Amino acid sequence: MNRIPPRSIRRRALVAAAGLCAGLAAAGTALAQDAYPNKPITFVVPFAAGSATDQLARAVGQSVTTDGKQPVVVDNRAGASGMIAAQAVARAAPDGYTVLITTNTTHAANEHLYRKLSYDPVKDFVPVTGLGKGGQVLVVNAQAPFKDVGELLAAARKAPGKLSFGSGSSSSRVAGEMLKQLAGVDILHVPYKSNPIAITDLLGGQIDMMITDTSTGVPQIKAGKLRALGYSTQKRSAQLPDVPTIAEAGVKGYDMGYWFAAYVPAGTPAAVVERLRGLLVHATQSDGAKSFYDMAGSEAWTTTSQELAAFQAAETQKWGQVIRAAGIEPE
């Protein structure tokens, strides 16, 4: 009778054990993914009810409720430029039941605008997927003498510091600063608490221009009260197809939009992240989400977790460069 050497027996035992562990791990992953969700999910939004982020969260939440067969609760935690909400999610249990529906404010701009954050936008979160992208529109009063971006910039060069631009959000502010930097012009910045308040002063002639989100600017443009000169991203807006991009209008390299994305606390199991991602990606194609994108002048944008992480890193670098070049001191 042939005897099997003890070393071979041990090797076979190790191989069998490894195979068993791999099988159990795969089964555990599948089980975790299949079991999720089995209780209500909370979408934490860093801005007030009625904001664009809130509207998107509620739209995709309806689809996730239907597909996941569990209710989605939207928790608005506005304040501190999104830091209250981001901190709450960062400290939540990493189980996929607390999801941050946020924007570039918390995950690209804040670390350059504040000396100390109550959360780490990279280490404290797992990116799930992008949810949408949008652009802003450069507007002037309809009675202003500027018919295009070139005329506006020519006037700014002729009288440095005389023209002014308003902003009521970090996206609006940084978009204006980027225009100044790439065009080489000096335009005075006037801060506001919100873009609608800045629009009111633009209509009243207190400021000369601003770059605002389309949901705020388009109604005034269509009413004939504001004139659109340029769109902030590399692609024209479907709502304003005749308005050139700012880059097309002569400011080469100009591209400054905003984005929505979903994040969960660091340590959330990969299988749960992937299941949640699937629910959210499908939700961006729902009727409710499509209605939001049409209304807001934005578009669906989905990613893998790795793609969102890389995109966030690039955006953080871009925002930081503009903010530092503008001389904006962190608060």
C-alpha atoms as a PDB file:
ATOM      1  CA  MET A   1       0.000   0.000   0.000  1.00  0.00           C
ATOM      2  CA  ASN A   2       1.330   3.427  -0.971  1.00  0.00           C
ATOM      3  CA  ARG A   3       1.693   5.797   1.943  1.00  0.00           C
ATOM      4  CA  ILE A   4       1.109   9.524   1.432  1.00  0.00           C
ATOM      5  CA  PRO A   5       3.946  11.565   2.960  1.00  0.00           C
ATOM      6  CA  PRO A   6       2.881  13.646   5.980  1.00  0.00           C
ATOM      7  CA  ARG A   7       3.967  16.857   4.184  1.00  0.00           C
ATOM      8  CA  SER A   8       1.568  16.129   1.293  1.00  0.00           C
ATOM      9  CA  ILE A   9      -1.260  15.451   3.733  1.00  0.00           C
ATOM     10  CA  ARG A  10      -0.652  18.796   5.414  1.00  0.00           C
ATOM     11  CA  ARG A  11      -0.515  20.562   2.041  1.00  0.00           C
ATOM     12  CA  ARG A  12      -3.813  19.016   0.955  1.00  0.00           C
ATOM     13  CA  ALA A  13      -5.409  19.949   4.258  1.00  0.00           C
ATOM     14  CA  LEU A  14      -4.293  23.549   3.891  1.00  0.00           C
ATOM     15  CA  VAL A  15      -5.596  23.759   0.330  1.00  0.00           C
ATOM     16  CA  ALA A  16      -8.943  22.306   1.423  1.00  0.00           C
ATOM     17  CA  ALA A  17      -9.153  24.716   4.344  1.00  0.00           C
ATOM     18  CA  ALA A  18      -8.341  27.658   2.120  1.00  0.00           C
ATOM     19  CA  GLY A  19     -11.032  26.592  -0.309  1.00  0.00           C
ATOM     20  CA  LEU A  20     -13.525  26.248   2.520  1.00  0.00           C
ATOM     21  CA  CYS A  21     -12.692  29.708   3.871  1.00  0.00           C
ATOM     22  CA  ALA A  22     -13.025  31.245   0.428  1.00  0.00           C
ATOM     23  CA  GLY A  23     -16.361  29.557  -0.031  1.00  0.00           C
ATOM     24  CA  LEU A  24     -17.613  30.737   3.345  1.00  0.00           C
ATOM     25  CA  ALA A  25     -16.405  34.270   2.648  1.00  0.00           C
ATOM     26  CA  ALA A  26     -18.180  34.317  -0.705  1.00  0.00           C
ATOM     27  CA  ALA A  27     -21.322  32.959   0.901  1.00  0.00           C
ATOM     28  CA  GLY A  28     -21.104  35.593   3.653  1.00  0.00           C
ATOM     29  CA  THR A  29     -20.680  38.359   1.097  1.00  0.00           C
ATOM     30  CA  ALA A  30     -23.629  37.130  -0.912  1.00  0.00           C
ATOM     31  CA  LEU A  31     -25.709  36.819   2.247  1.00  0.00           C
ATOM     32  CA  ALA A  32     -24.859  40.364   3.354  1.00  0.00           C
ATOM     33  CA  GLN A  33     -25.743  41.720  -0.065  1.00  0.00           C
ATOM     34  CA  ASP A  34     -28.983  39.751  -0.310  1.00  0.00           C
ATOM     35  CA  ALA A  35     -30.077  40.722   3.213  1.00  0.00           C
ATOM     36  CA  TYR A  36     -29.585  44.452   2.640  1.00  0.00           C
ATOM     37  CA  PRO A  37     -31.754  46.385   3.178  1.00  0.00           C
ATOM     38  CA  ASN A  38     -33.869  44.825   5.907  1.00  0.00           C
ATOM     39  CA  LYS A  39     -34.820  48.001   7.779  1.00  0.00           C
ATOM     40  CA  PRO A  40     -35.410  51.703   6.968  1.00  0.00           C
ATOM     41  CA  ILE A  41     -32.584  53.689   5.378  1.00  0.00           C
ATOM     42  CA  THR A  42     -31.845  57.300   6.342  1.00  0.00           C
ATOM     43  CA  PHE A  43     -30.644  59.765   3.711  1.00  0.00           C
ATOM     44  CA  VAL A  44     -28.897  62.622   5.518  1.00  0.00           C
ATOM     45  CA  VAL A  45     -28.930  65.882   3.520  1.00  0.00           C
ATOM     46  CA  PRO A  46     -26.589  68.765   4.481  1.00  0.00           C
ATOM     47  CA  PHE A  47     -29.026  71.443   3.306  1.00  0.00           C
ATOM     48  CA  ALA A  48     -32.534  72.608   4.092  1.00  0.00           C
ATOM     49  CA  ALA A  49     -35.755  71.045   2.859  1.00  0.00           C
ATOM     50  CA  GLY A  50     -36.550  72.347  -0.619  1.00  0.00           C
ATOM     51  CA  SER A  51     -32.910  72.727  -1.635  1.00  0.00           C
ATOM     52  CA  ALA A  52     -31.747  71.029  -4.825  1.00  0.00           C
ATOM     53  CA  THR A  53     -29.915  68.336  -2.850  1.00  0.00           C
ATOM     54  CA  ASP A  54     -33.015  67.692  -0.756  1.00  0.00           C
ATOM     55  CA  GLN A  55     -35.199  67.391  -3.844  1.00  0.00           C
ATOM     56  CA  LEU A  56     -32.823  64.900  -5.442  1.00  0.00           C
ATOM     57  CA  ALA A  57     -32.580  62.866  -2.225  1.00  0.00           C
ATOM     58  CA  ARG A  58     -36.367  62.585  -2.051  1.00  0.00           C
ATOM     59  CA  ALA A  59     -36.658  61.694  -5.729  1.00  0.00           C
ATOM     60  CA  VAL A  60     -34.113  58.856  -5.613  1.00  0.00           C
ATOM     61  CA  GLY A  61     -35.383  57.849  -2.177  1.00  0.00           C
ATOM     62  CA  GLN A  62     -38.782  56.982  -3.632  1.00  0.00           C
ATOM     63  CA  SER A  63     -37.160  54.594  -6.097  1.00  0.00           C
ATOM     64  CA  VAL A  64     -34.919  53.019  -3.440  1.00  0.00           C
ATOM     65  CA  THR A  65     -38.004  52.491  -1.260  1.00  0.00           C
ATOM     66  CA  THR A  66     -39.761  50.674  -4.095  1.00  0.00           C
ATOM     67  CA  ASP A  67     -36.802  48.548  -5.189  1.00  0.00           C
ATOM     68  CA  GLY A  68     -35.386  47.870  -1.730  1.00  0.00           C
ATOM     69  CA  LYS A  69     -38.801  47.286  -0.150  1.00  0.00           C
ATOM     70  CA  GLN A  70     -37.797  49.394   2.834  1.00  0.00           C
ATOM     71  CA  PRO A  71     -38.718  53.023   3.566  1.00  0.00           C
ATOM     72  CA  VAL A  72     -36.203  55.809   3.024  1.00  0.00           C
ATOM     73  CA  VAL A  73     -36.287  58.670   5.520  1.00  0.00           C
ATOM     74  CA  VAL A  74     -34.757  62.025   4.513  1.00  0.00           C
ATOM     75  CA  ASP A  75     -33.058  63.791   7.432  1.00  0.00           C
ATOM     76  CA  ASN A  76     -32.212  67.441   6.706  1.00  0.00           C
ATOM     77  CA  ARG A  77     -29.308  68.603   8.853  1.00  0.00           C
ATOM     78  CA  ALA A  78     -28.562  72.031   7.459  1.00  0.00           C
ATOM     79  CA  GLY A  79     -25.921  74.386   8.783  1.00  0.00           C
ATOM     80  CA  ALA A  80     -22.184  75.005   8.992  1.00  0.00           C
ATOM     81  CA  SER A  81     -21.750  74.569   5.236  1.00  0.00           C
ATOM     82  CA  GLY A  82     -22.775  70.927   5.428  1.00  0.00           C
ATOM     83  CA  MET A  83     -20.404  70.014   8.253  1.00  0.00           C
ATOM     84  CA  ILE A  84     -23.163  69.070  10.713  1.00  0.00           C
ATOM     85  CA  ALA A  85     -24.577  66.454   8.356  1.00  0.00           C
ATOM     86  CA  ALA A  86     -21.186  65.145   7.231  1.00  0.00           C
ATOM     87  CA  GLN A  87     -20.028  64.688  10.820  1.00  0.00           C
ATOM     88  CA  ALA A  88     -23.249  62.873  11.744  1.00  0.00           C
ATOM     89  CA  VAL A  89     -22.826  60.357   8.929  1.00  0.00           C
ATOM     90  CA  ALA A  90     -19.106  59.909   9.581  1.00  0.00           C
ATOM     91  CA  ARG A  91     -19.943  58.869  13.156  1.00  0.00           C
ATOM     92  CA  ALA A  92     -22.888  56.625  12.226  1.00  0.00           C
ATOM     93  CA  ALA A  93     -22.786  52.834  12.246  1.00  0.00           C
ATOM     94  CA  PRO A  94     -21.058  51.534   9.080  1.00  0.00           C
ATOM     95  CA  ASP A  95     -23.946  49.320   8.027  1.00  0.00           C
ATOM     96  CA  GLY A  96     -25.381  51.078   4.967  1.00  0.00           C
ATOM     97  CA  TYR A  97     -28.427  52.447   6.754  1.00  0.00           C
ATOM     98  CA  THR A  98     -27.125  56.015   7.089  1.00  0.00           C
ATOM     99  CA  VAL A  99     -26.273  57.589   3.736  1.00  0.00           C
ATOM    100  CA  LEU A 100     -24.945  61.083   3.049  1.00  0.00           C
ATOM    101  CA  ILE A 101     -26.534  62.632  -0.053  1.00  0.00           C
ATOM    102  CA  THR A 102     -24.247  65.584  -0.592  1.00  0.00           C
ATOM    103  CA  THR A 103     -22.371  67.837  -3.013  1.00  0.00           C
ATOM    104  CA  ASN A 104     -18.971  69.278  -3.790  1.00  0.00           C
ATOM    105  CA  THR A 105     -19.459  71.626  -0.825  1.00  0.00           C
ATOM    106  CA  THR A 106     -18.717  68.991   1.824  1.00  0.00           C
ATOM    107  CA  HIS A 107     -16.397  66.816  -0.256  1.00  0.00           C
ATOM    108  CA  ALA A 108     -14.303  69.238  -2.323  1.00  0.00           C
ATOM    109  CA  ALA A 109     -14.623  72.837  -1.116  1.00  0.00           C
ATOM    110  CA  ASN A 110     -14.887  72.809   2.678  1.00  0.00           C
ATOM    111  CA  GLU A 111     -11.383  71.591   3.434  1.00  0.00           C
ATOM    112  CA  HIS A 112     -10.068  74.700   1.657  1.00  0.00           C
ATOM    113  CA  LEU A 113     -12.609  77.111   3.154  1.00  0.00           C
ATOM    114  CA  TYR A 114     -12.310  76.087   6.814  1.00  0.00           C
ATOM    115  CA  ARG A 115      -9.220  75.724   8.989  1.00  0.00           C
ATOM    116  CA  LYS A 116     -10.657  72.781  10.875  1.00  0.00           C
ATOM    117  CA  LEU A 117     -13.283  70.277   9.775  1.00  0.00           C
ATOM    118  CA  SER A 118     -15.285  68.053  12.099  1.00  0.00           C
ATOM    119  CA  TYR A 119     -14.883  65.202   9.599  1.00  0.00           C
ATOM    120  CA  ASP A 120     -12.358  63.923   7.058  1.00  0.00           C
ATOM    121  CA  PRO A 121     -13.951  63.917   3.573  1.00  0.00           C
ATOM    122  CA  VAL A 122     -11.747  60.989   2.507  1.00  0.00           C
ATOM    123  CA  LYS A 123     -10.899  58.843   5.535  1.00  0.00           C
ATOM    124  CA  ASP A 124     -14.343  58.985   7.162  1.00  0.00           C
ATOM    125  CA  PHE A 125     -16.359  57.830   4.140  1.00  0.00           C
ATOM    126  CA  VAL A 126     -16.745  55.202   1.449  1.00  0.00           C
ATOM    127  CA  PRO A 127     -17.834  56.701  -1.892  1.00  0.00           C
ATOM    128  CA  VAL A 128     -20.917  54.939  -3.278  1.00  0.00           C
ATOM    129  CA  THR A 129     -21.803  56.640  -6.563  1.00  0.00           C
ATOM    130  CA  GLY A 130     -22.235  59.967  -8.230  1.00  0.00           C
ATOM    131  CA  LEU A 131     -25.864  61.027  -8.578  1.00  0.00           C
ATOM    132  CA  GLY A 132     -25.879  64.064 -10.824  1.00  0.00           C
ATOM    133  CA  LYS A 133     -23.981  66.960 -12.338  1.00  0.00           C
ATOM    134  CA  GLY A 134     -25.025  70.471 -13.206  1.00  0.00           C
ATOM    135  CA  GLY A 135     -23.683  73.793 -14.339  1.00  0.00           C
ATOM    136  CA  GLN A 136     -24.154  77.468 -13.642  1.00  0.00           C
ATOM    137  CA  VAL A 137     -24.980  80.378 -15.869  1.00  0.00           C
ATOM    138  CA  LEU A 138     -23.249  83.748 -16.138  1.00  0.00           C
ATOM    139  CA  VAL A 139     -25.965  86.397 -16.057  1.00  0.00           C
ATOM    140  CA  VAL A 140     -26.270  90.185 -16.198  1.00  0.00           C
ATOM    141  CA  ASN A 141     -29.247  92.485 -15.937  1.00  0.00           C
ATOM    142  CA  ALA A 142     -31.269  92.465 -19.153  1.00  0.00           C
ATOM    143  CA  GLN A 143     -30.712  96.238 -19.381  1.00  0.00           C
ATOM    144  CA  ALA A 144     -26.921  95.945 -19.095  1.00  0.00           C
ATOM    145  CA  PRO A 145     -24.846  96.991 -22.119  1.00  0.00           C
ATOM    146  CA  PHE A 146     -23.013  93.632 -22.290  1.00  0.00           C
ATOM    147  CA  LYS A 147     -24.298  91.349 -25.049  1.00  0.00           C
ATOM    148  CA  ASP A 148     -21.697  88.596 -24.615  1.00  0.00           C
ATOM    149  CA  VAL A 149     -18.830  87.452 -22.422  1.00  0.00           C
ATOM    150  CA  GLY A 150     -16.278  89.286 -24.562  1.00  0.00           C
ATOM    151  CA  GLU A 151     -17.971  92.663 -24.015  1.00  0.00           C
ATOM    152  CA  LEU A 152     -18.242  92.062 -20.276  1.00  0.00           C
ATOM    153  CA  LEU A 153     -14.550  91.179 -19.967  1.00  0.00           C
ATOM    154  CA  ALA A 154     -13.516  94.131 -22.127  1.00  0.00           C
ATOM    155  CA  ALA A 155     -15.378  96.463 -19.770  1.00  0.00           C
ATOM    156  CA  ALA A 156     -13.716  94.812 -16.779  1.00  0.00           C
ATOM    157  CA  ARG A 157     -10.261  95.270 -18.294  1.00  0.00           C
ATOM    158  CA  LYS A 158     -10.983  98.897 -19.112  1.00  0.00           C
ATOM    159  CA  ALA A 159     -11.948  99.707 -15.529  1.00  0.00           C
ATOM    160  CA  PRO A 160     -10.293  97.250 -13.109  1.00  0.00           C
ATOM    161  CA  GLY A 161     -12.260  96.755  -9.907  1.00  0.00           C
ATOM    162  CA  LYS A 162     -15.243  98.806 -11.036  1.00  0.00           C
ATOM    163  CA  LEU A 163     -17.533  95.938 -12.019  1.00  0.00           C
ATOM    164  CA  SER A 164     -18.866  93.627  -9.313  1.00  0.00           C
ATOM    165  CA  PHE A 165     -20.126  90.071  -9.064  1.00  0.00           C
ATOM    166  CA  GLY A 166     -22.329  88.567  -6.388  1.00  0.00           C
ATOM    167  CA  SER A 167     -22.421  85.052  -4.978  1.00  0.00           C
ATOM    168  CA  GLY A 168     -24.555  83.233  -2.436  1.00  0.00           C
ATOM    169  CA  SER A 169     -22.881  79.818  -2.422  1.00  0.00           C
ATOM    170  CA  SER A 170     -19.391  78.347  -2.550  1.00  0.00           C
ATOM    171  CA  SER A 171     -20.024  77.102  -6.099  1.00  0.00           C
ATOM    172  CA  SER A 172     -21.084  80.566  -7.237  1.00  0.00           C
ATOM    173  CA  ARG A 173     -18.149  82.257  -5.493  1.00  0.00           C
ATOM    174  CA  VAL A 174     -15.503  79.908  -6.836  1.00  0.00           C
ATOM    175  CA  ALA A 175     -17.015  80.077 -10.335  1.00  0.00           C
ATOM    176  CA  GLY A 176     -16.641  83.859 -10.285  1.00  0.00           C
ATOM    177  CA  GLU A 177     -13.095  83.669  -8.960  1.00  0.00           C
ATOM    178  CA  MET A 178     -12.140  81.185 -11.678  1.00  0.00           C
ATOM    179  CA  LEU A 179     -13.481  83.566 -14.330  1.00  0.00           C
ATOM    180  CA  LYS A 180     -11.348  86.368 -12.917  1.00  0.00           C
ATOM    181  CA  GLN A 181      -8.246  84.201 -12.862  1.00  0.00           C
ATOM    182  CA  LEU A 182      -8.531  82.650 -16.325  1.00  0.00           C
ATOM    183  CA  ALA A 183      -9.626  85.894 -18.001  1.00  0.00           C
ATOM    184  CA  GLY A 184      -7.111  88.031 -16.116  1.00  0.00           C
ATOM    185  CA  VAL A 185      -9.642  90.611 -14.913  1.00  0.00           C
ATOM    186  CA  ASP A 186     -10.302  92.407 -11.629  1.00  0.00           C
ATOM    187  CA  ILE A 187     -13.979  92.214 -10.617  1.00  0.00           C
ATOM    188  CA  LEU A 188     -15.129  93.063  -7.087  1.00  0.00           C
ATOM    189  CA  HIS A 189     -16.775  90.216  -5.158  1.00  0.00           C
ATOM    190  CA  VAL A 190     -19.923  90.939  -3.137  1.00  0.00           C
ATOM    191  CA  PRO A 191     -20.985  88.078  -0.817  1.00  0.00           C
ATOM    192  CA  TYR A 192     -24.616  87.149  -0.122  1.00  0.00           C
ATOM    193  CA  LYS A 193     -26.309  84.596   2.122  1.00  0.00           C
ATOM    194  CA  SER A 194     -27.970  82.910  -0.863  1.00  0.00           C
ATOM    195  CA  ASN A 195     -28.057  83.127  -4.639  1.00  0.00           C
ATOM    196  CA  PRO A 196     -31.707  84.295  -4.783  1.00  0.00           C
ATOM    197  CA  ILE A 197     -30.782  87.318  -2.628  1.00  0.00           C
ATOM    198  CA  ALA A 198     -27.888  88.114  -4.969  1.00  0.00           C
ATOM    199  CA  ILE A 199     -30.258  87.804  -7.946  1.00  0.00           C
ATOM    200  CA  THR A 200     -32.518  90.418  -6.339  1.00  0.00           C
ATOM    201  CA  ASP A 201     -29.634  92.886  -6.179  1.00  0.00           C
ATOM    202  CA  LEU A 202     -28.603  92.032  -9.735  1.00  0.00           C
ATOM    203  CA  LEU A 203     -32.120  92.852 -10.901  1.00  0.00           C
ATOM    204  CA  GLY A 204     -31.966  96.075  -8.901  1.00  0.00           C
ATOM    205  CA  GLY A 205     -28.632  97.150 -10.366  1.00  0.00           C
ATOM    206  CA  GLN A 206     -26.609  96.895  -7.134  1.00  0.00           C
ATOM    207  CA  ILE A 207     -24.194  94.391  -8.731  1.00  0.00           C
ATOM    208  CA  ASP A 208     -23.168  93.882 -12.358  1.00  0.00           C
ATOM    209  CA  MET A 209     -23.095  90.104 -12.805  1.00  0.00           C
ATOM    210  CA  MET A 210     -23.066  86.724 -11.148  1.00  0.00           C
ATOM    211  CA  ILE A 211     -22.652  83.059 -11.989  1.00  0.00           C
ATOM    212  CA  THR A 212     -25.618  81.235 -10.506  1.00  0.00           C
ATOM    213  CA  ASP A 213     -27.216  77.795 -10.530  1.00  0.00           C
ATOM    214  CA  THR A 214     -29.662  77.294 -13.374  1.00  0.00           C
ATOM    215  CA  SER A 215     -32.632  76.590 -11.111  1.00  0.00           C
ATOM    216  CA  THR A 216     -32.239  80.149  -9.758  1.00  0.00           C
ATOM    217  CA  GLY A 217     -31.204  81.898 -12.952  1.00  0.00           C
ATOM    218  CA  VAL A 218     -33.249  80.297 -15.729  1.00  0.00           C
ATOM    219  CA  PRO A 219     -36.683  81.547 -14.567  1.00  0.00           C
ATOM    220  CA  GLN A 220     -35.388  85.130 -14.580  1.00  0.00           C
ATOM    221  CA  ILE A 221     -33.748  84.599 -17.971  1.00  0.00           C
ATOM    222  CA  LYS A 222     -36.961  83.252 -19.488  1.00  0.00           C
ATOM    223  CA  ALA A 223     -38.911  86.131 -17.946  1.00  0.00           C
ATOM    224  CA  GLY A 224     -36.626  88.541 -19.802  1.00  0.00           C
ATOM    225  CA  LYS A 225     -35.233  90.095 -16.618  1.00  0.00           C
ATOM    226  CA  LEU A 226     -31.714  88.654 -16.914  1.00  0.00           C
ATOM    227  CA  ARG A 227     -29.480  88.054 -19.933  1.00  0.00           C
ATOM    228  CA  ALA A 228     -27.468  84.825 -20.085  1.00  0.00           C
ATOM    229  CA  LEU A 229     -23.938  85.291 -21.435  1.00  0.00           C
ATOM    230  CA  GLY A 230     -22.279  81.929 -20.826  1.00  0.00           C
ATOM    231  CA  TYR A 231     -22.630  78.492 -19.274  1.00  0.00           C
ATOM    232  CA  SER A 232     -20.058  77.259 -16.783  1.00  0.00           C
ATOM    233  CA  THR A 233     -19.365  73.667 -17.870  1.00  0.00           C
ATOM    234  CA  GLN A 234     -17.785  72.270 -21.027  1.00  0.00           C
ATOM    235  CA  LYS A 235     -21.157  71.271 -22.461  1.00  0.00           C
ATOM    236  CA  ARG A 236     -24.024  73.652 -23.172  1.00  0.00           C
ATOM    237  CA  SER A 237     -27.162  73.511 -21.060  1.00  0.00           C
ATOM    238  CA  ALA A 238     -30.201  71.726 -22.514  1.00  0.00           C
ATOM    239  CA  GLN A 239     -32.295  74.505 -20.952  1.00  0.00           C
ATOM    240  CA  LEU A 240     -30.224  77.201 -22.675  1.00  0.00           C
ATOM    241  CA  PRO A 241     -29.031  75.610 -25.922  1.00  0.00           C
ATOM    242  CA  ASP A 242     -28.309  78.961 -27.594  1.00  0.00           C
ATOM    243  CA  VAL A 243     -26.057  80.166 -24.789  1.00  0.00           C
ATOM    244  CA  PRO A 244     -22.382  79.349 -25.425  1.00  0.00           C
ATOM    245  CA  THR A 245     -20.183  77.886 -22.738  1.00  0.00           C
ATOM    246  CA  ILE A 246     -17.837  80.363 -21.098  1.00  0.00           C
ATOM    247  CA  ALA A 247     -14.952  78.436 -22.673  1.00  0.00           C
ATOM    248  CA  GLU A 248     -16.573  78.760 -26.112  1.00  0.00           C
ATOM    249  CA  ALA A 249     -16.958  82.475 -25.457  1.00  0.00           C
ATOM    250  CA  GLY A 250     -13.195  82.838 -25.216  1.00  0.00           C
ATOM    251  CA  VAL A 251     -12.158  81.917 -21.672  1.00  0.00           C
ATOM    252  CA  LYS A 252     -10.108  78.832 -22.491  1.00  0.00           C
ATOM    253  CA  GLY A 253     -10.080  76.050 -19.936  1.00  0.00           C
ATOM    254  CA  TYR A 254     -13.084  77.343 -18.035  1.00  0.00           C
ATOM    255  CA  ASP A 255     -15.085  74.487 -16.487  1.00  0.00           C
ATOM    256  CA  MET A 256     -16.793  74.807 -13.127  1.00  0.00           C
ATOM    257  CA  GLY A 257     -19.897  72.825 -12.277  1.00  0.00           C
ATOM    258  CA  TYR A 258     -21.473  71.264  -9.233  1.00  0.00           C
ATOM    259  CA  TRP A 259     -22.228  67.637  -8.443  1.00  0.00           C
ATOM    260  CA  PHE A 260     -24.268  65.383  -6.191  1.00  0.00           C
ATOM    261  CA  ALA A 261     -23.020  62.084  -4.746  1.00  0.00           C
ATOM    262  CA  ALA A 262     -23.709  59.454  -2.102  1.00  0.00           C
ATOM    263  CA  TYR A 263     -21.343  58.371   0.677  1.00  0.00           C
ATOM    264  CA  VAL A 264     -21.545  55.966   3.615  1.00  0.00           C
ATOM    265  CA  PRO A 265     -19.392  55.733   6.758  1.00  0.00           C
ATOM    266  CA  ALA A 266     -15.935  54.186   6.456  1.00  0.00           C
ATOM    267  CA  GLY A 267     -15.976  50.498   7.237  1.00  0.00           C
ATOM    268  CA  THR A 268     -19.280  49.745   5.541  1.00  0.00           C
ATOM    269  CA  PRO A 269     -19.051  46.208   4.038  1.00  0.00           C
ATOM    270  CA  ALA A 270     -18.224  46.170   0.323  1.00  0.00           C
ATOM    271  CA  ALA A 271     -21.223  43.969  -0.478  1.00  0.00           C
ATOM    272  CA  VAL A 272     -23.582  46.460   1.173  1.00  0.00           C
ATOM    273  CA  VAL A 273     -21.945  49.375  -0.665  1.00  0.00           C
ATOM    274  CA  GLU A 274     -22.401  47.581  -3.982  1.00  0.00           C
ATOM    275  CA  ARG A 275     -26.038  46.711  -3.262  1.00  0.00           C
ATOM    276  CA  LEU A 276     -26.767  50.325  -2.259  1.00  0.00           C
ATOM    277  CA  ARG A 277     -24.951  51.554  -5.351  1.00  0.00           C
ATOM    278  CA  GLY A 278     -27.169  49.380  -7.536  1.00  0.00           C
ATOM    279  CA  LEU A 279     -30.301  50.785  -5.921  1.00  0.00           C
ATOM    280  CA  LEU A 280     -29.089  54.371  -6.345  1.00  0.00           C
ATOM    281  CA  VAL A 281     -27.940  53.953  -9.944  1.00  0.00           C
ATOM    282  CA  HIS A 282     -31.342  52.544 -10.870  1.00  0.00           C
ATOM    283  CA  ALA A 283     -32.998  55.387  -8.948  1.00  0.00           C
ATOM    284  CA  THR A 284     -31.321  58.015 -11.143  1.00  0.00           C
ATOM    285  CA  GLN A 285     -33.344  56.627 -14.059  1.00  0.00           C
ATOM    286  CA  SER A 286     -36.687  56.877 -12.224  1.00  0.00           C
ATOM    287  CA  ASP A 287     -39.389  59.294 -13.322  1.00  0.00           C
ATOM    288  CA  GLY A 288     -38.973  61.317 -10.149  1.00  0.00           C
ATOM    289  CA  ALA A 289     -35.240  61.743 -10.663  1.00  0.00           C
ATOM    290  CA  LYS A 290     -35.690  62.629 -14.324  1.00  0.00           C
ATOM    291  CA  SER A 291     -38.211  65.315 -13.359  1.00  0.00           C
ATOM    292  CA  PHE A 292     -35.672  66.744 -10.913  1.00  0.00           C
ATOM    293  CA  TYR A 293     -32.858  66.785 -13.466  1.00  0.00           C
ATOM    294  CA  ASP A 294     -35.078  68.549 -16.002  1.00  0.00           C
ATOM    295  CA  MET A 295     -36.204  71.124 -13.461  1.00  0.00           C
ATOM    296  CA  ALA A 296     -32.722  71.793 -12.072  1.00  0.00           C
ATOM    297  CA  GLY A 297     -30.954  71.841 -15.426  1.00  0.00           C
ATOM    298  CA  SER A 298     -28.693  68.993 -14.341  1.00  0.00           C
ATOM    299  CA  GLU A 299     -28.196  65.443 -15.556  1.00  0.00           C
ATOM    300  CA  ALA A 300     -27.847  61.959 -14.161  1.00  0.00           C
ATOM    301  CA  TRP A 301     -24.261  60.932 -13.437  1.00  0.00           C
ATOM    302  CA  THR A 302     -23.328  57.607 -11.882  1.00  0.00           C
ATOM    303  CA  THR A 303     -19.969  56.060 -11.041  1.00  0.00           C
ATOM    304  CA  THR A 304     -18.307  53.145  -9.352  1.00  0.00           C
ATOM    305  CA  SER A 305     -16.951  53.721  -5.858  1.00  0.00           C
ATOM    306  CA  GLN A 306     -13.409  53.951  -7.245  1.00  0.00           C
ATOM    307  CA  GLU A 307     -14.402  56.387  -9.984  1.00  0.00           C
ATOM    308  CA  LEU A 308     -16.099  58.685  -7.491  1.00  0.00           C
ATOM    309  CA  ALA A 309     -13.022  58.618  -5.244  1.00  0.00           C
ATOM    310  CA  ALA A 310     -10.769  59.619  -8.143  1.00  0.00           C
ATOM    311  CA  PHE A 311     -13.192  62.315  -9.293  1.00  0.00           C
ATOM    312  CA  GLN A 312     -13.463  63.725  -5.770  1.00  0.00           C
ATOM    313  CA  ALA A 313      -9.666  63.927  -5.504  1.00  0.00           C
ATOM    314  CA  ALA A 314      -9.410  65.823  -8.785  1.00  0.00           C
ATOM    315  CA  GLU A 315     -12.224  68.188  -7.828  1.00  0.00           C
ATOM    316  CA  THR A 316     -10.686  68.852  -4.422  1.00  0.00           C
ATOM    317  CA  GLN A 317      -7.416  69.798  -6.061  1.00  0.00           C
ATOM    318  CA  LYS A 318      -9.144  72.076  -8.593  1.00  0.00           C
ATOM    319  CA  TRP A 319     -11.223  73.875  -5.967  1.00  0.00           C
ATOM    320  CA  GLY A 320      -8.177  74.296  -3.775  1.00  0.00           C
ATOM    321  CA  GLN A 321      -6.150  75.888  -6.568  1.00  0.00           C
ATOM    322  CA  VAL A 322      -8.884  78.420  -7.357  1.00  0.00           C
ATOM    323  CA  ILE A 323      -9.527  79.264  -3.698  1.00  0.00           C
ATOM    324  CA  ARG A 324      -5.825  79.758  -2.919  1.00  0.00           C
ATOM    325  CA  ALA A 325      -5.230  81.835  -6.046  1.00  0.00           C
ATOM    326  CA  ALA A 326      -8.189  84.021  -5.101  1.00  0.00           C
ATOM    327  CA  GLY A 327      -6.619  84.706  -1.725  1.00  0.00           C
ATOM    328  CA  ILE A 328      -9.649  83.363   0.148  1.00  0.00           C
ATOM    329  CA  GLU A 329      -8.519  82.789   3.734  1.00  0.00           C
ATOM    330  CA  PRO A 330      -9.973  79.721   5.506  1.00  0.00           C
ATOM    331  CA  GLU A 331     -12.373  80.616   8.292  1.00  0.00           C
END
